[in-house]
Amino acid sequence: MNSPILDTISAWFQNLGSLTPGSAMAVGLVFLAMAFIVLPRTPLICAAGAAFGWKVAGIILLSGTIGAILAFLTSRYVASNWFRKRLEGKPNFGVIAQAVDEEGWRIIALMRLGVPLPGALQNYLFGLTRIDISTYSISTFVFTAPQVFLYSFLGATGRASLLDENLGISLIAMALIMATVALIAWRVRVLLSRRAPLA
């Protein structure tokens, strides 16, 4: 997905030249901000890899995780009460939210590994659940790492263009989506069965 914002930032990465303390700080700030902006990060990770080499992945991972934590906290303490009130009259939605709460790190893992939902949106959604901050932070760091290093490497080796044609990556992403939906559906069924009235 191309956008003027992503194209501008990608061109800016190229103009920065080699990875220096100044360019490293610039990259870190960009990916920290991306944790709040609902745009796909993959093109930027590839662009950063192409501009600075695969070693930039460490900067992206660390700054992205810090940004994700800040976005999570912003969502939790600014919008959580409103969200919970909206759920009071909708028990089915409440059960789904509870399923996410109870399967916290597993759902974070599946979503971070490949569900094509912008990271910023995931940060906000998880902030609206009761997942504890330590579980969220560790899971986000661990399960975001594979994608960050993969796309940085593809960008650094000039193979980022293969992403649009790589059937294997598409199949993996589809499998992760199905696994996420199946996990939530299973947990919802379990919770609904607990609520079922006795005969």
N, C-alpha and C. Protein backbone atom coordinates (compact mmCIF):
# COMPACT_ATOMS: atom_id res chain seq x y z
N MET A 1 0.85 -1.18 0.00
CA MET A 1 0.00 0.00 0.00
C MET A 1 0.89 1.24 0.00
N ASN A 2 0.75 2.05 -1.05
CA ASN A 2 1.54 3.26 -1.15
C ASN A 2 0.72 4.46 -0.68
N SER A 3 1.40 5.43 -0.11
CA SER A 3 0.76 6.67 0.30
C SER A 3 1.81 7.76 0.23
N PRO A 4 1.39 9.01 0.04
CA PRO A 4 2.37 10.10 -0.02
C PRO A 4 3.24 10.18 1.23
N ILE A 5 2.65 9.89 2.39
CA ILE A 5 3.43 9.94 3.64
C ILE A 5 4.53 8.90 3.63
N LEU A 6 4.18 7.66 3.27
CA LEU A 6 5.17 6.59 3.26
C LEU A 6 6.25 6.85 2.22
N ASP A 7 5.84 7.34 1.04
CA ASP A 7 6.81 7.64 -0.01
C ASP A 7 7.77 8.74 0.42
N THR A 8 7.24 9.75 1.11
CA THR A 8 8.08 10.86 1.56
C THR A 8 9.10 10.40 2.59
N ILE A 9 8.65 9.58 3.55
CA ILE A 9 9.56 9.09 4.58
C ILE A 9 10.61 8.17 3.97
N SER A 10 10.20 7.32 3.04
CA SER A 10 11.15 6.41 2.39
C SER A 10 12.24 7.19 1.66
N ALA A 11 11.83 8.24 0.93
CA ALA A 11 12.81 9.08 0.23
C ALA A 11 13.73 9.78 1.22
N TRP A 12 13.17 10.19 2.35
CA TRP A 12 13.97 10.86 3.38
C TRP A 12 15.02 9.92 3.95
N PHE A 13 14.65 8.64 4.15
CA PHE A 13 15.62 7.65 4.62
C PHE A 13 16.80 7.57 3.66
N GLN A 14 16.51 7.54 2.36
CA GLN A 14 17.57 7.45 1.36
C GLN A 14 18.49 8.66 1.42
N ASN A 15 17.91 9.83 1.67
CA ASN A 15 18.71 11.06 1.70
C ASN A 15 19.58 11.17 2.95
N LEU A 16 19.21 10.42 4.00
CA LEU A 16 20.00 10.49 5.23
C LEU A 16 21.37 9.84 5.09
N GLY A 17 21.48 8.93 4.12
CA GLY A 17 22.78 8.29 3.90
C GLY A 17 23.02 7.12 4.84
N SER A 18 24.23 7.03 5.39
CA SER A 18 24.61 5.90 6.23
C SER A 18 24.00 6.00 7.62
N LEU A 19 24.11 4.92 8.37
CA LEU A 19 23.55 4.87 9.72
C LEU A 19 24.53 5.53 10.70
N THR A 20 24.16 6.71 11.14
CA THR A 20 24.95 7.48 12.11
C THR A 20 24.09 7.69 13.35
N PRO A 21 24.65 8.21 14.43
CA PRO A 21 23.81 8.49 15.61
C PRO A 21 22.61 9.38 15.27
N GLY A 22 22.82 10.36 14.39
CA GLY A 22 21.71 11.24 14.02
C GLY A 22 20.65 10.53 13.20
N SER A 23 21.07 9.75 12.20
CA SER A 23 20.08 9.04 11.38
C SER A 23 19.40 7.94 12.18
N ALA A 24 20.15 7.31 13.11
CA ALA A 24 19.55 6.28 13.97
C ALA A 24 18.45 6.88 14.84
N MET A 25 18.70 8.09 15.36
CA MET A 25 17.68 8.76 16.17
C MET A 25 16.47 9.11 15.31
N ALA A 26 16.71 9.55 14.07
CA ALA A 26 15.61 9.90 13.18
C ALA A 26 14.75 8.68 12.88
N VAL A 27 15.41 7.55 12.58
CA VAL A 27 14.67 6.31 12.31
C VAL A 27 13.87 5.90 13.54
N GLY A 28 14.50 5.98 14.71
CA GLY A 28 13.81 5.62 15.94
C GLY A 28 12.57 6.45 16.17
N LEU A 29 12.67 7.75 15.95
CA LEU A 29 11.51 8.64 16.14
C LEU A 29 10.40 8.34 15.15
N VAL A 30 10.77 8.02 13.90
CA VAL A 30 9.76 7.69 12.90
C VAL A 30 8.97 6.46 13.31
N PHE A 31 9.68 5.40 13.72
CA PHE A 31 8.97 4.16 14.06
C PHE A 31 8.25 4.25 15.41
N LEU A 32 8.72 5.11 16.29
CA LEU A 32 7.97 5.37 17.51
C LEU A 32 6.65 6.05 17.16
N ALA A 33 6.70 7.03 16.25
CA ALA A 33 5.48 7.73 15.84
C ALA A 33 4.53 6.80 15.08
N MET A 34 5.09 5.84 14.32
CA MET A 34 4.24 4.92 13.55
C MET A 34 3.39 4.05 14.44
N ALA A 35 3.76 3.92 15.71
CA ALA A 35 2.95 3.14 16.65
C ALA A 35 1.62 3.82 16.94
N PHE A 36 1.51 5.11 16.59
CA PHE A 36 0.28 5.87 16.82
C PHE A 36 -0.49 6.13 15.52
N ILE A 37 0.14 5.91 14.38
CA ILE A 37 -0.46 6.25 13.09
C ILE A 37 -0.91 4.98 12.39
N VAL A 38 -2.19 4.93 11.98
CA VAL A 38 -2.73 3.72 11.36
C VAL A 38 -2.33 3.68 9.89
N LEU A 39 -1.08 3.27 9.66
CA LEU A 39 -0.53 3.07 8.33
C LEU A 39 0.32 1.80 8.36
N PRO A 40 0.45 1.11 7.23
CA PRO A 40 1.30 -0.10 7.22
C PRO A 40 2.77 0.25 7.39
N ARG A 41 3.43 -0.49 8.27
CA ARG A 41 4.85 -0.24 8.54
C ARG A 41 5.79 -0.99 7.60
N THR A 42 5.30 -2.06 6.98
CA THR A 42 6.17 -2.91 6.19
C THR A 42 6.96 -2.15 5.12
N PRO A 43 6.33 -1.27 4.32
CA PRO A 43 7.11 -0.54 3.32
C PRO A 43 8.22 0.30 3.93
N LEU A 44 7.96 0.87 5.10
CA LEU A 44 8.97 1.70 5.76
C LEU A 44 10.12 0.85 6.31
N ILE A 45 9.79 -0.33 6.82
CA ILE A 45 10.85 -1.22 7.32
C ILE A 45 11.76 -1.62 6.16
N CYS A 46 11.15 -1.97 5.02
CA CYS A 46 11.94 -2.32 3.84
C CYS A 46 12.78 -1.12 3.38
N ALA A 47 12.19 0.07 3.40
CA ALA A 47 12.92 1.27 2.97
C ALA A 47 14.08 1.56 3.90
N ALA A 48 13.87 1.38 5.20
CA ALA A 48 14.95 1.60 6.16
C ALA A 48 16.06 0.58 5.95
N GLY A 49 15.69 -0.67 5.68
CA GLY A 49 16.68 -1.70 5.39
C GLY A 49 17.49 -1.38 4.15
N ALA A 50 16.80 -0.88 3.12
CA ALA A 50 17.48 -0.53 1.87
C ALA A 50 18.44 0.64 2.08
N ALA A 51 18.05 1.59 2.93
CA ALA A 51 18.86 2.79 3.14
C ALA A 51 20.03 2.56 4.09
N PHE A 52 19.82 1.74 5.12
CA PHE A 52 20.81 1.64 6.19
C PHE A 52 21.36 0.23 6.42
N GLY A 53 20.79 -0.76 5.75
CA GLY A 53 21.23 -2.13 5.98
C GLY A 53 20.38 -2.83 7.02
N TRP A 54 20.53 -4.16 7.12
CA TRP A 54 19.64 -4.94 7.98
C TRP A 54 19.86 -4.64 9.47
N LYS A 55 21.01 -4.06 9.83
CA LYS A 55 21.27 -3.78 11.25
C LYS A 55 20.34 -2.73 11.83
N VAL A 56 19.66 -2.00 10.94
CA VAL A 56 18.71 -0.99 11.42
C VAL A 56 17.52 -1.66 12.11
N ALA A 57 17.36 -2.98 11.91
CA ALA A 57 16.23 -3.71 12.50
C ALA A 57 16.19 -3.56 14.01
N GLY A 58 17.34 -3.55 14.67
CA GLY A 58 17.37 -3.40 16.12
C GLY A 58 16.78 -2.08 16.58
N ILE A 59 17.09 -1.02 15.85
CA ILE A 59 16.55 0.31 16.17
C ILE A 59 15.04 0.33 15.95
N ILE A 60 14.61 -0.26 14.84
CA ILE A 60 13.17 -0.31 14.52
C ILE A 60 12.41 -1.08 15.58
N LEU A 61 12.96 -2.24 15.98
CA LEU A 61 12.29 -3.08 16.96
C LEU A 61 12.17 -2.38 18.31
N LEU A 62 13.25 -1.79 18.77
CA LEU A 62 13.24 -1.14 20.08
C LEU A 62 12.32 0.08 20.09
N SER A 63 12.45 0.96 19.09
CA SER A 63 11.63 2.16 19.07
C SER A 63 10.16 1.83 18.80
N GLY A 64 9.92 0.83 17.95
CA GLY A 64 8.55 0.41 17.69
C GLY A 64 7.87 -0.16 18.91
N THR A 65 8.63 -0.94 19.70
CA THR A 65 8.07 -1.51 20.93
C THR A 65 7.76 -0.42 21.95
N ILE A 66 8.67 0.55 22.09
CA ILE A 66 8.42 1.66 23.02
C ILE A 66 7.18 2.43 22.58
N GLY A 67 7.07 2.70 21.28
CA GLY A 67 5.89 3.40 20.76
C GLY A 67 4.62 2.61 20.99
N ALA A 68 4.70 1.27 20.79
CA ALA A 68 3.53 0.42 21.01
C ALA A 68 3.07 0.46 22.46
N ILE A 69 4.03 0.48 23.38
CA ILE A 69 3.68 0.56 24.80
C ILE A 69 3.01 1.90 25.11
N LEU A 70 3.55 2.97 24.56
CA LEU A 70 2.96 4.30 24.80
C LEU A 70 1.56 4.40 24.21
N ALA A 71 1.37 3.84 23.00
CA ALA A 71 0.04 3.86 22.38
C ALA A 71 -0.95 3.01 23.18
N PHE A 72 -0.47 1.86 23.65
CA PHE A 72 -1.29 0.98 24.50
C PHE A 72 -1.75 1.71 25.75
N LEU A 73 -0.83 2.39 26.43
CA LEU A 73 -1.16 3.12 27.65
C LEU A 73 -2.10 4.29 27.37
N THR A 74 -1.88 4.96 26.25
CA THR A 74 -2.76 6.06 25.86
C THR A 74 -4.18 5.55 25.66
N SER A 75 -4.30 4.44 24.93
CA SER A 75 -5.61 3.85 24.69
C SER A 75 -6.28 3.40 25.98
N ARG A 76 -5.50 2.75 26.83
CA ARG A 76 -6.07 2.21 28.07
C ARG A 76 -6.59 3.31 28.99
N TYR A 77 -5.85 4.38 29.14
CA TYR A 77 -6.23 5.38 30.14
C TYR A 77 -7.04 6.54 29.57
N VAL A 78 -7.13 6.63 28.24
CA VAL A 78 -7.95 7.69 27.64
C VAL A 78 -9.30 7.15 27.19
N ALA A 79 -9.31 5.91 26.64
CA ALA A 79 -10.53 5.40 26.01
C ALA A 79 -11.12 4.17 26.67
N SER A 80 -10.43 3.57 27.61
CA SER A 80 -10.89 2.30 28.16
C SER A 80 -12.25 2.40 28.83
N ASN A 81 -12.46 3.40 29.66
CA ASN A 81 -13.74 3.54 30.36
C ASN A 81 -14.90 3.70 29.38
N TRP A 82 -14.68 4.51 28.36
CA TRP A 82 -15.73 4.71 27.34
C TRP A 82 -16.04 3.39 26.65
N PHE A 83 -14.99 2.63 26.32
CA PHE A 83 -15.16 1.36 25.64
C PHE A 83 -15.94 0.38 26.49
N ARG A 84 -15.58 0.30 27.75
CA ARG A 84 -16.27 -0.64 28.64
C ARG A 84 -17.74 -0.28 28.79
N LYS A 85 -18.05 1.02 28.88
CA LYS A 85 -19.45 1.44 29.00
C LYS A 85 -20.25 1.05 27.76
N ARG A 86 -19.59 1.16 26.60
CA ARG A 86 -20.27 0.79 25.36
C ARG A 86 -20.59 -0.70 25.32
N LEU A 87 -19.84 -1.50 26.04
CA LEU A 87 -20.04 -2.95 26.02
C LEU A 87 -21.09 -3.43 27.00
N GLU A 88 -21.48 -2.58 27.94
CA GLU A 88 -22.38 -3.02 29.01
C GLU A 88 -23.67 -3.63 28.50
N GLY A 89 -24.25 -3.04 27.46
CA GLY A 89 -25.53 -3.55 26.94
C GLY A 89 -25.36 -4.58 25.85
N LYS A 90 -24.12 -5.02 25.57
CA LYS A 90 -23.87 -5.95 24.48
C LYS A 90 -23.06 -7.13 25.02
N PRO A 91 -23.73 -8.11 25.62
CA PRO A 91 -23.01 -9.21 26.28
C PRO A 91 -22.11 -10.00 25.34
N ASN A 92 -22.53 -10.20 24.07
CA ASN A 92 -21.70 -10.97 23.15
C ASN A 92 -20.35 -10.29 22.91
N PHE A 93 -20.39 -8.98 22.75
CA PHE A 93 -19.15 -8.25 22.57
C PHE A 93 -18.30 -8.31 23.84
N GLY A 94 -18.99 -8.30 24.98
CA GLY A 94 -18.28 -8.42 26.24
C GLY A 94 -17.57 -9.75 26.36
N VAL A 95 -18.21 -10.82 25.87
CA VAL A 95 -17.61 -12.15 25.92
C VAL A 95 -16.38 -12.19 25.02
N ILE A 96 -16.48 -11.57 23.85
CA ILE A 96 -15.33 -11.54 22.94
C ILE A 96 -14.16 -10.81 23.58
N ALA A 97 -14.45 -9.67 24.21
CA ALA A 97 -13.39 -8.92 24.90
C ALA A 97 -12.77 -9.76 26.00
N GLN A 98 -13.61 -10.53 26.71
CA GLN A 98 -13.10 -11.39 27.77
C GLN A 98 -12.22 -12.49 27.19
N ALA A 99 -12.60 -12.99 26.00
CA ALA A 99 -11.79 -14.02 25.34
C ALA A 99 -10.40 -13.48 25.03
N VAL A 100 -10.34 -12.26 24.55
CA VAL A 100 -9.04 -11.64 24.27
C VAL A 100 -8.26 -11.48 25.57
N ASP A 101 -8.96 -11.09 26.64
CA ASP A 101 -8.30 -10.93 27.93
C ASP A 101 -7.68 -12.25 28.40
N GLU A 102 -8.42 -13.34 28.26
CA GLU A 102 -7.97 -14.61 28.81
C GLU A 102 -6.92 -15.29 27.94
N GLU A 103 -6.92 -14.99 26.64
CA GLU A 103 -5.94 -15.60 25.74
C GLU A 103 -4.88 -14.59 25.33
N GLY A 104 -4.67 -13.57 26.16
CA GLY A 104 -3.85 -12.42 25.85
C GLY A 104 -2.62 -12.62 25.00
N TRP A 105 -1.60 -13.28 25.54
CA TRP A 105 -0.32 -13.33 24.83
C TRP A 105 -0.41 -14.16 23.56
N ARG A 106 -1.27 -15.16 23.54
CA ARG A 106 -1.41 -16.00 22.35
C ARG A 106 -1.96 -15.19 21.19
N ILE A 107 -2.97 -14.36 21.47
CA ILE A 107 -3.56 -13.54 20.41
C ILE A 107 -2.58 -12.45 19.98
N ILE A 108 -1.86 -11.88 20.94
CA ILE A 108 -0.83 -10.89 20.59
C ILE A 108 0.19 -11.54 19.65
N ALA A 109 0.62 -12.76 19.99
CA ALA A 109 1.62 -13.45 19.17
C ALA A 109 1.12 -13.64 17.74
N LEU A 110 -0.09 -14.14 17.60
CA LEU A 110 -0.63 -14.40 16.26
C LEU A 110 -0.78 -13.11 15.46
N MET A 111 -1.27 -12.06 16.11
CA MET A 111 -1.50 -10.81 15.40
C MET A 111 -0.18 -10.13 15.04
N ARG A 112 0.78 -10.16 15.93
CA ARG A 112 2.07 -9.52 15.64
C ARG A 112 2.84 -10.27 14.57
N LEU A 113 2.65 -11.59 14.49
CA LEU A 113 3.43 -12.39 13.55
C LEU A 113 2.98 -12.22 12.10
N GLY A 114 1.76 -11.74 11.87
CA GLY A 114 1.41 -11.65 10.45
C GLY A 114 0.01 -11.23 10.09
N VAL A 115 -0.85 -10.95 11.05
CA VAL A 115 -2.19 -10.49 10.68
C VAL A 115 -2.08 -9.09 10.06
N PRO A 116 -2.61 -8.89 8.84
CA PRO A 116 -2.45 -7.61 8.15
C PRO A 116 -3.35 -6.50 8.70
N LEU A 117 -3.19 -6.23 9.97
CA LEU A 117 -3.90 -5.14 10.63
C LEU A 117 -2.82 -4.18 11.11
N PRO A 118 -2.90 -2.90 10.74
CA PRO A 118 -1.83 -1.96 11.12
C PRO A 118 -1.48 -2.05 12.59
N GLY A 119 -0.18 -1.99 12.88
CA GLY A 119 0.29 -2.13 14.26
C GLY A 119 -0.32 -1.12 15.20
N ALA A 120 -0.52 0.11 14.73
CA ALA A 120 -1.10 1.15 15.58
C ALA A 120 -2.51 0.76 16.01
N LEU A 121 -3.28 0.21 15.08
CA LEU A 121 -4.65 -0.21 15.41
C LEU A 121 -4.62 -1.34 16.42
N GLN A 122 -3.67 -2.27 16.26
CA GLN A 122 -3.53 -3.34 17.25
C GLN A 122 -3.19 -2.77 18.62
N ASN A 123 -2.29 -1.79 18.65
CA ASN A 123 -1.91 -1.17 19.93
C ASN A 123 -3.13 -0.61 20.64
N TYR A 124 -3.96 0.11 19.89
CA TYR A 124 -5.16 0.72 20.49
C TYR A 124 -6.15 -0.34 20.95
N LEU A 125 -6.35 -1.37 20.13
CA LEU A 125 -7.31 -2.42 20.49
C LEU A 125 -6.87 -3.18 21.74
N PHE A 126 -5.60 -3.52 21.81
CA PHE A 126 -5.12 -4.24 23.00
C PHE A 126 -5.17 -3.35 24.24
N GLY A 127 -5.02 -2.06 24.06
CA GLY A 127 -5.13 -1.14 25.19
C GLY A 127 -6.52 -1.11 25.77
N LEU A 128 -7.51 -1.51 24.98
CA LEU A 128 -8.90 -1.51 25.44
C LEU A 128 -9.28 -2.81 26.15
N THR A 129 -8.35 -3.74 26.24
CA THR A 129 -8.60 -4.99 26.97
C THR A 129 -7.96 -4.88 28.36
N ARG A 130 -7.97 -6.00 29.08
CA ARG A 130 -7.37 -6.01 30.42
C ARG A 130 -6.02 -6.72 30.44
N ILE A 131 -5.43 -6.91 29.28
CA ILE A 131 -4.10 -7.54 29.22
C ILE A 131 -3.12 -6.69 30.02
N ASP A 132 -2.31 -7.34 30.86
CA ASP A 132 -1.39 -6.55 31.68
C ASP A 132 -0.23 -6.03 30.83
N ILE A 133 0.35 -4.93 31.26
CA ILE A 133 1.35 -4.22 30.48
C ILE A 133 2.61 -5.05 30.25
N SER A 134 3.02 -5.85 31.23
CA SER A 134 4.24 -6.64 31.07
C SER A 134 4.06 -7.73 30.01
N THR A 135 2.91 -8.43 30.05
CA THR A 135 2.62 -9.44 29.03
C THR A 135 2.56 -8.82 27.66
N TYR A 136 1.88 -7.70 27.56
CA TYR A 136 1.76 -6.99 26.28
C TYR A 136 3.12 -6.57 25.76
N SER A 137 3.94 -5.98 26.61
CA SER A 137 5.24 -5.45 26.19
C SER A 137 6.17 -6.56 25.72
N ILE A 138 6.28 -7.62 26.52
CA ILE A 138 7.19 -8.72 26.17
C ILE A 138 6.72 -9.42 24.90
N SER A 139 5.41 -9.69 24.82
CA SER A 139 4.87 -10.38 23.65
C SER A 139 5.05 -9.53 22.40
N THR A 140 4.82 -8.24 22.51
CA THR A 140 4.99 -7.35 21.36
C THR A 140 6.44 -7.36 20.88
N PHE A 141 7.37 -7.26 21.81
CA PHE A 141 8.80 -7.25 21.45
C PHE A 141 9.20 -8.57 20.78
N VAL A 142 8.84 -9.68 21.41
CA VAL A 142 9.28 -10.99 20.92
C VAL A 142 8.66 -11.33 19.58
N PHE A 143 7.34 -11.09 19.45
CA PHE A 143 6.65 -11.56 18.25
C PHE A 143 6.61 -10.54 17.11
N THR A 144 7.11 -9.33 17.37
CA THR A 144 7.29 -8.36 16.29
C THR A 144 8.65 -8.55 15.64
N ALA A 145 9.60 -9.07 16.40
CA ALA A 145 10.98 -9.19 15.93
C ALA A 145 11.12 -9.95 14.61
N PRO A 146 10.48 -11.11 14.41
CA PRO A 146 10.69 -11.84 13.15
C PRO A 146 10.36 -11.01 11.91
N GLN A 147 9.22 -10.31 11.94
CA GLN A 147 8.85 -9.49 10.78
C GLN A 147 9.83 -8.35 10.58
N VAL A 148 10.22 -7.69 11.65
CA VAL A 148 11.12 -6.55 11.53
C VAL A 148 12.44 -6.97 10.90
N PHE A 149 13.01 -8.08 11.38
CA PHE A 149 14.29 -8.54 10.84
C PHE A 149 14.13 -9.06 9.40
N LEU A 150 13.02 -9.74 9.12
CA LEU A 150 12.79 -10.25 7.76
C LEU A 150 12.69 -9.11 6.76
N TYR A 151 11.83 -8.11 7.05
CA TYR A 151 11.62 -7.03 6.09
C TYR A 151 12.84 -6.11 5.99
N SER A 152 13.57 -5.95 7.08
CA SER A 152 14.81 -5.18 7.01
C SER A 152 15.82 -5.88 6.11
N PHE A 153 15.89 -7.20 6.23
CA PHE A 153 16.82 -7.98 5.41
C PHE A 153 16.42 -7.92 3.94
N LEU A 154 15.12 -8.05 3.67
CA LEU A 154 14.65 -7.99 2.28
C LEU A 154 14.96 -6.62 1.67
N GLY A 155 14.74 -5.57 2.46
CA GLY A 155 15.07 -4.23 1.96
C GLY A 155 16.55 -4.07 1.72
N ALA A 156 17.37 -4.57 2.64
CA ALA A 156 18.82 -4.43 2.54
C ALA A 156 19.39 -5.20 1.35
N THR A 157 18.77 -6.32 1.00
CA THR A 157 19.27 -7.14 -0.10
C THR A 157 18.58 -6.85 -1.42
N GLY A 158 17.70 -5.83 -1.43
CA GLY A 158 17.03 -5.45 -2.66
C GLY A 158 15.95 -6.39 -3.11
N ARG A 159 15.42 -7.17 -2.17
CA ARG A 159 14.38 -8.15 -2.53
C ARG A 159 13.02 -7.78 -1.96
N ALA A 160 12.82 -6.54 -1.57
CA ALA A 160 11.54 -6.14 -1.01
C ALA A 160 10.42 -6.25 -2.03
N SER A 161 10.75 -6.12 -3.33
CA SER A 161 9.73 -6.20 -4.37
C SER A 161 9.10 -7.59 -4.45
N LEU A 162 9.79 -8.60 -3.90
CA LEU A 162 9.25 -9.95 -3.91
C LEU A 162 8.07 -10.12 -2.98
N LEU A 163 7.89 -9.19 -2.05
CA LEU A 163 6.81 -9.33 -1.06
C LEU A 163 5.45 -9.40 -1.73
N ASP A 164 5.25 -8.63 -2.80
CA ASP A 164 3.95 -8.59 -3.46
C ASP A 164 3.66 -9.86 -4.23
N GLU A 165 4.72 -10.66 -4.53
CA GLU A 165 4.54 -11.84 -5.35
C GLU A 165 4.80 -13.13 -4.58
N ASN A 166 5.14 -13.01 -3.33
CA ASN A 166 5.53 -14.19 -2.56
C ASN A 166 4.31 -14.90 -2.01
N LEU A 167 3.96 -16.01 -2.64
CA LEU A 167 2.78 -16.76 -2.23
C LEU A 167 2.96 -17.34 -0.85
N GLY A 168 4.18 -17.75 -0.50
CA GLY A 168 4.44 -18.35 0.80
C GLY A 168 4.09 -17.41 1.94
N ILE A 169 4.53 -16.15 1.83
CA ILE A 169 4.24 -15.16 2.87
C ILE A 169 2.73 -14.94 2.98
N SER A 170 2.04 -14.88 1.83
CA SER A 170 0.58 -14.69 1.84
C SER A 170 -0.12 -15.85 2.53
N LEU A 171 0.34 -17.07 2.25
CA LEU A 171 -0.29 -18.23 2.87
C LEU A 171 -0.05 -18.26 4.38
N ILE A 172 1.16 -17.87 4.80
CA ILE A 172 1.44 -17.81 6.24
C ILE A 172 0.55 -16.79 6.92
N ALA A 173 0.41 -15.61 6.28
CA ALA A 173 -0.45 -14.56 6.85
C ALA A 173 -1.88 -15.05 6.97
N MET A 174 -2.38 -15.74 5.93
CA MET A 174 -3.75 -16.26 5.96
C MET A 174 -3.91 -17.30 7.07
N ALA A 175 -2.91 -18.15 7.24
CA ALA A 175 -2.98 -19.16 8.30
C ALA A 175 -3.03 -18.52 9.68
N LEU A 176 -2.26 -17.45 9.87
CA LEU A 176 -2.26 -16.76 11.16
C LEU A 176 -3.60 -16.09 11.43
N ILE A 177 -4.20 -15.51 10.39
CA ILE A 177 -5.53 -14.90 10.55
C ILE A 177 -6.53 -15.96 10.98
N MET A 178 -6.52 -17.10 10.30
CA MET A 178 -7.46 -18.16 10.62
C MET A 178 -7.22 -18.68 12.03
N ALA A 179 -5.96 -18.81 12.43
CA ALA A 179 -5.65 -19.28 13.78
C ALA A 179 -6.15 -18.30 14.84
N THR A 180 -5.99 -17.00 14.56
CA THR A 180 -6.47 -15.98 15.50
C THR A 180 -7.98 -16.04 15.66
N VAL A 181 -8.69 -16.10 14.53
CA VAL A 181 -10.16 -16.18 14.56
C VAL A 181 -10.61 -17.44 15.28
N ALA A 182 -9.94 -18.57 14.99
CA ALA A 182 -10.31 -19.84 15.61
C ALA A 182 -10.09 -19.79 17.12
N LEU A 183 -8.99 -19.19 17.55
CA LEU A 183 -8.70 -19.10 18.99
C LEU A 183 -9.75 -18.26 19.70
N ILE A 184 -10.09 -17.10 19.11
CA ILE A 184 -11.11 -16.25 19.72
C ILE A 184 -12.45 -16.96 19.75
N ALA A 185 -12.81 -17.62 18.63
CA ALA A 185 -14.10 -18.32 18.56
C ALA A 185 -14.18 -19.43 19.60
N TRP A 186 -13.08 -20.18 19.76
CA TRP A 186 -13.06 -21.25 20.76
C TRP A 186 -13.25 -20.69 22.16
N ARG A 187 -12.52 -19.62 22.47
CA ARG A 187 -12.64 -19.04 23.81
C ARG A 187 -14.04 -18.49 24.05
N VAL A 188 -14.65 -17.89 23.02
CA VAL A 188 -16.01 -17.36 23.15
C VAL A 188 -16.99 -18.50 23.44
N ARG A 189 -16.82 -19.62 22.73
CA ARG A 189 -17.71 -20.77 22.99
C ARG A 189 -17.57 -21.26 24.42
N VAL A 190 -16.34 -21.33 24.91
CA VAL A 190 -16.11 -21.78 26.29
C VAL A 190 -16.79 -20.84 27.28
N LEU A 191 -16.62 -19.54 27.06
CA LEU A 191 -17.21 -18.57 27.99
C LEU A 191 -18.73 -18.57 27.92
N LEU A 192 -19.27 -18.72 26.72
CA LEU A 192 -20.73 -18.76 26.59
C LEU A 192 -21.29 -20.02 27.24
N SER A 193 -20.57 -21.14 27.15
CA SER A 193 -21.04 -22.37 27.78
C SER A 193 -21.07 -22.24 29.29
N ARG A 194 -20.16 -21.47 29.85
CA ARG A 194 -20.16 -21.24 31.30
C ARG A 194 -21.38 -20.43 31.73
N ARG A 195 -21.83 -19.57 30.79
CA ARG A 195 -22.96 -18.71 31.11
C ARG A 195 -24.30 -19.40 30.89
N ALA A 196 -24.28 -20.53 30.21
CA ALA A 196 -25.54 -21.22 29.85
C ALA A 196 -26.30 -21.58 31.12
N PRO A 197 -27.62 -21.34 31.15
CA PRO A 197 -28.43 -21.66 32.33
C PRO A 197 -28.53 -23.17 32.56
N LEU A 198 -28.60 -23.54 33.78
CA LEU A 198 -28.73 -24.96 34.08
C LEU A 198 -30.11 -25.45 33.67
N ALA A 199 -30.17 -26.69 33.19
CA ALA A 199 -31.43 -27.26 32.76
C ALA A 199 -32.29 -27.59 33.97
